[in-house]
Protein backbone atom coordinates (compact mmCIF):
# COMPACT_ATOMS: atom_id res chain seq x y z
CA UNK A 1 10.29 -24.85 16.33
CA UNK A 2 7.04 -22.95 15.79
CA UNK A 3 4.71 -23.62 12.88
CA UNK A 4 4.62 -21.14 9.98
CA UNK A 5 2.11 -18.34 10.31
CA UNK A 6 -1.04 -17.93 8.25
CA UNK A 7 -1.07 -16.47 4.75
CA UNK A 8 -4.05 -14.19 4.09
CA UNK A 9 -4.56 -13.64 0.36
CA UNK A 10 -7.02 -10.80 -0.35
CA UNK A 11 -8.63 -10.02 -3.71
CA UNK A 12 -8.47 -6.24 -3.19
CA UNK A 13 -10.88 -3.54 -1.96
CA UNK A 14 -11.30 -5.21 1.42
CA UNK A 15 -13.90 -3.56 3.64
CA UNK A 16 -12.24 -0.92 5.83
CA UNK A 17 -15.34 0.77 7.26
CA UNK A 18 -18.05 -1.81 8.05
CA UNK A 19 -17.75 -5.30 9.48
CA UNK A 20 -14.13 -5.56 8.23
CA UNK A 21 -14.21 -9.37 8.35
CA UNK A 22 -10.86 -9.72 6.60
CA UNK A 23 -9.04 -7.09 8.63
CA UNK A 24 -10.46 -8.69 11.78
CA UNK A 25 -8.93 -11.98 10.65
CA UNK A 26 -5.56 -10.28 10.24
CA UNK A 27 -5.87 -8.53 13.61
CA UNK A 28 -6.83 -11.72 15.44
CA UNK A 29 -3.66 -13.44 14.22
CA UNK A 30 -1.37 -10.56 15.19
CA UNK A 31 -2.20 -10.93 18.87
CA UNK A 32 -1.66 -7.23 19.49
CA UNK A 33 1.81 -7.27 17.91
CA UNK A 34 3.35 -4.88 15.43
CA UNK A 35 2.17 -4.91 11.81
CA UNK A 36 4.55 -3.88 9.02
CA UNK A 37 2.60 -2.31 6.16
CA UNK A 38 4.71 -3.08 3.08
CA UNK A 39 3.70 -0.56 0.40
CA UNK A 40 6.37 -1.98 -1.92
CA UNK A 41 4.00 -2.59 -4.85
CA UNK A 42 3.03 1.06 -5.15
CA UNK A 43 4.77 3.66 -7.28
CA UNK A 44 3.10 6.32 -5.09
CA UNK A 45 2.59 4.94 -1.57
CA UNK A 46 1.30 8.15 0.03
CA UNK A 47 -1.90 7.66 2.01
CA UNK A 48 -1.75 3.89 2.49
CA UNK A 49 -0.41 4.07 6.05
CA UNK A 50 -3.05 6.51 7.27
CA UNK A 51 -5.83 4.48 5.61
CA UNK A 52 -4.84 1.24 7.34
CA UNK A 53 -4.16 2.95 10.65
CA UNK A 54 -7.78 4.18 10.63
CA UNK A 55 -9.14 0.79 9.51
CA UNK A 56 -7.27 -1.15 12.22
CA UNK A 57 -7.60 1.47 14.97
CA UNK A 58 -10.33 -0.29 16.98
CA UNK A 59 -9.32 -3.85 16.08
CA UNK A 60 -6.44 -4.06 18.54
CA UNK A 61 -3.72 -3.14 16.02
CA UNK A 62 -2.20 0.15 17.14
CA UNK A 63 1.45 -0.40 16.20
CA UNK A 64 1.74 -0.12 12.40
CA UNK A 65 4.93 0.89 10.60
CA UNK A 66 5.44 1.40 6.88
CA UNK A 67 8.06 -0.39 4.80
CA UNK A 68 8.91 1.04 1.38
CA UNK A 69 11.96 0.87 -0.87
CA UNK A 70 12.73 3.05 -3.86
CA UNK A 71 15.11 0.50 -5.44
CA UNK A 72 16.72 -2.89 -4.83
CA UNK A 73 19.68 -1.36 -2.99
CA UNK A 74 17.36 -0.33 -0.18
CA UNK A 75 16.18 -3.95 0.14
CA UNK A 76 19.64 -4.60 1.64
CA UNK A 77 19.55 -1.61 3.97
CA UNK A 78 19.99 -2.40 7.69
CA UNK A 79 17.49 0.36 8.46
CA UNK A 80 14.81 -1.26 6.28
CA UNK A 81 15.53 -4.74 7.62
CA UNK A 82 15.28 -3.44 11.19
CA UNK A 83 11.62 -2.51 10.60
CA UNK A 84 10.85 -6.24 10.70
CA UNK A 85 12.54 -6.82 14.04
CA UNK A 86 9.94 -8.03 16.53
CA UNK A 87 7.07 -7.71 14.05
CA UNK A 88 4.08 -10.04 14.33
CA UNK A 89 3.13 -9.75 10.67
CA UNK A 90 3.52 -8.07 7.29
CA UNK A 91 0.71 -6.71 5.12
CA UNK A 92 1.54 -6.20 1.42
CA UNK A 93 -0.64 -3.44 -0.01
CA UNK A 94 -1.81 -3.06 -3.62
CA UNK A 95 -0.21 -1.52 -6.67
CA UNK A 96 1.96 -3.35 -9.21
CA UNK A 97 2.98 -6.91 -8.41
CA UNK A 98 5.93 -6.72 -10.80
CA UNK A 99 7.31 -3.76 -8.85
CA UNK A 100 6.99 -5.66 -5.59
CA UNK A 101 8.69 -8.84 -6.82
CA UNK A 102 11.40 -7.07 -8.81
CA UNK A 103 12.37 -4.79 -5.92
CA UNK A 104 12.71 -7.41 -3.18
CA UNK A 105 12.98 -10.79 -4.93
CA UNK A 106 16.12 -12.67 -3.82
CA UNK A 107 17.20 -9.90 -1.44
CA UNK A 108 17.84 -9.87 2.32
CA UNK A 109 14.47 -8.17 2.75
CA UNK A 110 12.60 -11.02 1.06
CA UNK A 111 14.53 -13.55 3.13
CA UNK A 112 13.70 -11.68 6.34
CA UNK A 113 9.98 -11.64 5.45
CA UNK A 114 10.03 -15.39 4.77
CA UNK A 115 11.91 -16.04 8.01
CA UNK A 116 9.27 -14.08 9.92
CA UNK A 117 6.59 -16.26 8.34
CA UNK A 118 8.43 -19.51 9.11
CA UNK A 119 8.68 -18.46 12.76
CA UNK A 120 4.92 -17.93 13.05
CA UNK A 121 4.36 -14.42 11.71
CA UNK A 122 1.26 -13.73 9.64
CA UNK A 123 1.66 -12.50 6.06
CA UNK A 124 -1.24 -10.79 4.30
CA UNK A 125 -1.43 -9.34 0.81
CA UNK A 126 -4.16 -7.48 -1.03
CA UNK A 127 -4.56 -7.02 -4.80
CA UNK A 128 -1.00 -6.88 -6.21
CA UNK A 129 0.24 -8.02 -2.81
CA UNK A 130 -1.92 -11.14 -3.20
CA UNK A 131 -0.70 -11.95 -6.72
CA UNK A 132 2.93 -11.73 -5.63
CA UNK A 133 2.44 -14.50 -3.04
CA UNK A 134 2.20 -17.23 -5.69
CA UNK A 135 5.03 -19.10 -7.35
CA UNK A 136 4.12 -17.55 -10.70
CA UNK A 137 2.17 -14.32 -11.07
CA UNK A 138 0.30 -12.71 -13.94
CA UNK A 139 1.71 -9.35 -14.94
CA UNK A 140 -0.38 -8.58 -18.03
CA UNK A 141 -3.51 -10.15 -19.51
CA UNK A 142 -6.88 -8.84 -20.61
CA UNK A 143 -10.10 -9.66 -18.80
CA UNK A 144 -13.73 -9.47 -19.96
CA UNK A 145 -13.08 -11.47 -23.14
CA UNK A 146 -12.06 -14.88 -24.44
CA UNK A 147 -8.41 -15.51 -23.67
CA UNK A 148 -5.94 -15.22 -26.55
CA UNK A 149 -2.87 -17.42 -26.29
CA UNK A 150 -0.32 -14.64 -26.69
CA UNK A 151 -2.09 -12.19 -24.42
CA UNK A 152 -0.57 -13.29 -21.14
CA UNK A 153 2.64 -12.10 -19.52
CA UNK A 154 3.84 -13.94 -16.42
CA UNK A 155 6.77 -13.59 -14.04
CA UNK A 156 8.11 -15.27 -10.92
CA UNK A 157 6.32 -14.38 -7.69
CA UNK A 158 7.67 -14.57 -4.14
CA UNK A 159 6.85 -18.28 -3.90
CA UNK A 160 5.09 -18.08 -0.54
CA UNK A 161 2.44 -20.36 -2.03
CA UNK A 162 4.29 -22.82 -4.25
CA UNK A 163 2.46 -24.47 -7.17
CA UNK A 164 -0.09 -21.65 -7.23
CA UNK A 165 -0.99 -18.73 -9.53
CA UNK A 166 -3.17 -16.09 -7.87
CA UNK A 167 -5.35 -13.49 -9.58
CA UNK A 168 -7.32 -10.75 -7.82
CA UNK A 169 -10.29 -8.38 -8.43
CA UNK A 170 -11.46 -11.59 -10.05
CA UNK A 171 -15.18 -11.57 -10.84
CA UNK A 172 -15.28 -7.76 -10.83
CA UNK A 173 -12.81 -7.57 -13.75
CA UNK A 174 -13.92 -10.70 -15.60
CA UNK A 175 -10.61 -12.54 -15.23
CA UNK A 176 -11.74 -16.17 -15.61
CA UNK A 177 -10.33 -16.34 -19.17
CA UNK A 178 -6.85 -15.26 -18.21
CA UNK A 179 -6.78 -17.58 -15.20
CA UNK A 180 -7.59 -20.51 -17.48
CA UNK A 181 -4.86 -19.30 -19.81
CA UNK A 182 -2.41 -19.24 -16.93
CA UNK A 183 -3.10 -22.85 -15.91
CA UNK A 184 -3.03 -23.93 -19.57
CA UNK A 185 0.56 -22.64 -19.67
CA UNK A 186 1.35 -24.05 -16.20
CA UNK A 187 -0.82 -27.17 -15.76
CA UNK A 188 0.88 -28.43 -12.59
CA UNK A 189 -0.17 -25.27 -10.73
CA UNK A 190 -3.52 -24.41 -9.24
CA UNK A 191 -5.02 -21.22 -10.58
CA UNK A 192 -6.79 -19.26 -7.83
CA UNK A 193 -8.96 -16.20 -8.46
CA UNK A 194 -10.02 -14.11 -5.46
CA UNK A 195 -12.89 -11.62 -5.58
CA UNK A 196 -12.79 -8.19 -3.99
CA UNK A 197 -13.50 -8.04 -0.23
CA UNK A 198 -12.70 -11.76 -0.11
CA UNK A 199 -9.69 -13.66 1.21
CA UNK A 200 -8.27 -17.15 1.35
CA UNK A 201 -6.75 -17.82 4.76
CA UNK A 202 -4.04 -20.45 4.30
CA UNK A 203 -2.93 -22.43 7.35
CA UNK A 204 -0.75 -25.43 6.63
CA UNK A 205 -1.99 -27.17 3.48
CA UNK A 206 -5.59 -25.97 3.68
CA UNK A 207 -7.29 -22.66 3.10
CA UNK A 208 -10.59 -21.22 4.29
CA UNK A 209 -12.60 -18.45 2.62
CA UNK A 210 -13.46 -15.22 4.45
CA UNK A 211 -15.38 -12.22 3.11
CA UNK A 212 -18.31 -11.33 0.89
CA UNK A 213 -17.32 -12.85 -2.49
CA UNK A 214 -15.93 -16.01 -3.98
CA UNK A 215 -12.65 -17.84 -4.49
CA UNK A 216 -12.31 -19.72 -7.78
CA UNK A 217 -9.92 -22.66 -8.10
CA UNK A 218 -8.95 -23.88 -11.60
CA UNK A 219 -7.30 -27.32 -11.54
CA UNK A 220 -5.65 -28.52 -14.78
CA UNK A 221 -4.43 -31.84 -13.37
CA UNK A 222 -6.82 -33.87 -15.54
CA UNK A 223 -6.78 -31.67 -18.64
CA UNK A 224 -6.75 -33.77 -21.82
CA UNK A 225 -5.96 -31.08 -24.40
CA UNK A 226 -4.62 -27.53 -24.66
CA UNK A 227 -3.66 -25.62 -27.81
CA UNK A 228 -1.09 -23.21 -26.35
CA UNK A 229 1.90 -24.85 -28.04
CA UNK A 230 0.42 -25.32 -31.52
CA UNK A 231 -1.91 -22.41 -32.24
CA UNK A 232 -1.10 -18.88 -33.37
CA UNK A 233 -0.63 -16.43 -30.49
CA UNK A 234 -3.79 -14.57 -31.63
CA UNK A 235 -5.89 -17.74 -31.41
CA UNK A 236 -8.50 -18.26 -28.73
CA UNK A 237 -7.57 -20.67 -25.96
CA UNK A 238 -8.77 -24.27 -26.05
CA UNK A 239 -8.53 -26.28 -22.82
CA UNK A 240 -10.46 -29.51 -22.24
CA UNK A 241 -11.18 -31.21 -18.93
CA UNK A 242 -10.24 -28.43 -16.52
CA UNK A 243 -11.95 -28.61 -13.11
CA UNK A 244 -13.37 -25.41 -11.63
CA UNK A 245 -14.44 -24.99 -8.01
CA UNK A 246 -16.15 -21.89 -6.60
CA UNK A 247 -15.94 -21.38 -2.83
CA UNK A 248 -17.65 -18.82 -0.61
CA UNK A 249 -17.31 -17.75 3.02
CA UNK A 250 -16.63 -20.66 5.34
CA UNK A 251 -15.80 -23.15 2.58
CA UNK A 252 -12.35 -24.70 2.68
CA UNK A 253 -9.94 -26.39 0.28
CA UNK A 254 -7.39 -29.16 0.80
CA UNK A 255 -4.31 -28.18 -1.23
CA UNK A 256 -2.75 -31.64 -1.13
CA UNK A 257 -5.86 -33.55 -2.16
CA UNK A 258 -7.13 -30.69 -4.33
CA UNK A 259 -10.59 -31.10 -2.80
CA UNK A 260 -13.08 -28.44 -1.62
CA UNK A 261 -15.28 -28.82 1.45
CA UNK A 262 -18.43 -26.87 2.35
CA UNK A 263 -18.71 -24.58 5.34
CA UNK A 264 -19.29 -26.40 8.62
């Protein structure tokens, strides 16, 4: 039996014109095979396919097909499932993570994607496609301000990364407060925030950072106090003893030991 493929979790706005470090990482793991561009998170997917075809054109990825469903019934369609036959990987584009998870969660299409990954296929997701990879995903929650207890709406993700909550466009949209709120509500899970043009490349139980920004890991394992159960929903969050790691390109993180390591 082959090992599962890599998971490439991208914070959004990955470089498509310059060095394209993240797209090169995806391309290198496809080995020249077909890439399925899953535009499932978008309410208006027009233009995504052409954009990624141009971005991947000289990276050895010439066979790209688009996968989109208008409703959950199509996630059972033999024609849609057949798009994954023989594919080397799937790339979830941006949009609305709730649309993605609600359209394919617990359907034959989701099971086919997970089977592809278990057999060695690479799965990548950017922006909403990144958030949906976690066990729990944030659907609503303000950035750029102190987190208020009742300000967060969460839903089940696809569970490709169990025990993890992923946020994207992280530093650019000031989302540290809502990530801390998410782990305060779910202390057994790691909260991971990924900046734009940055990715965590997960292989086995370790990830490595690629790209121009940072990956933030909030670990609530040793938290001594949170006020989410007692305070009014309009109250500011209190959380004591949370550990925060910030990783940049080349740094890695051991998911079992919950320990970062520097590049090299």
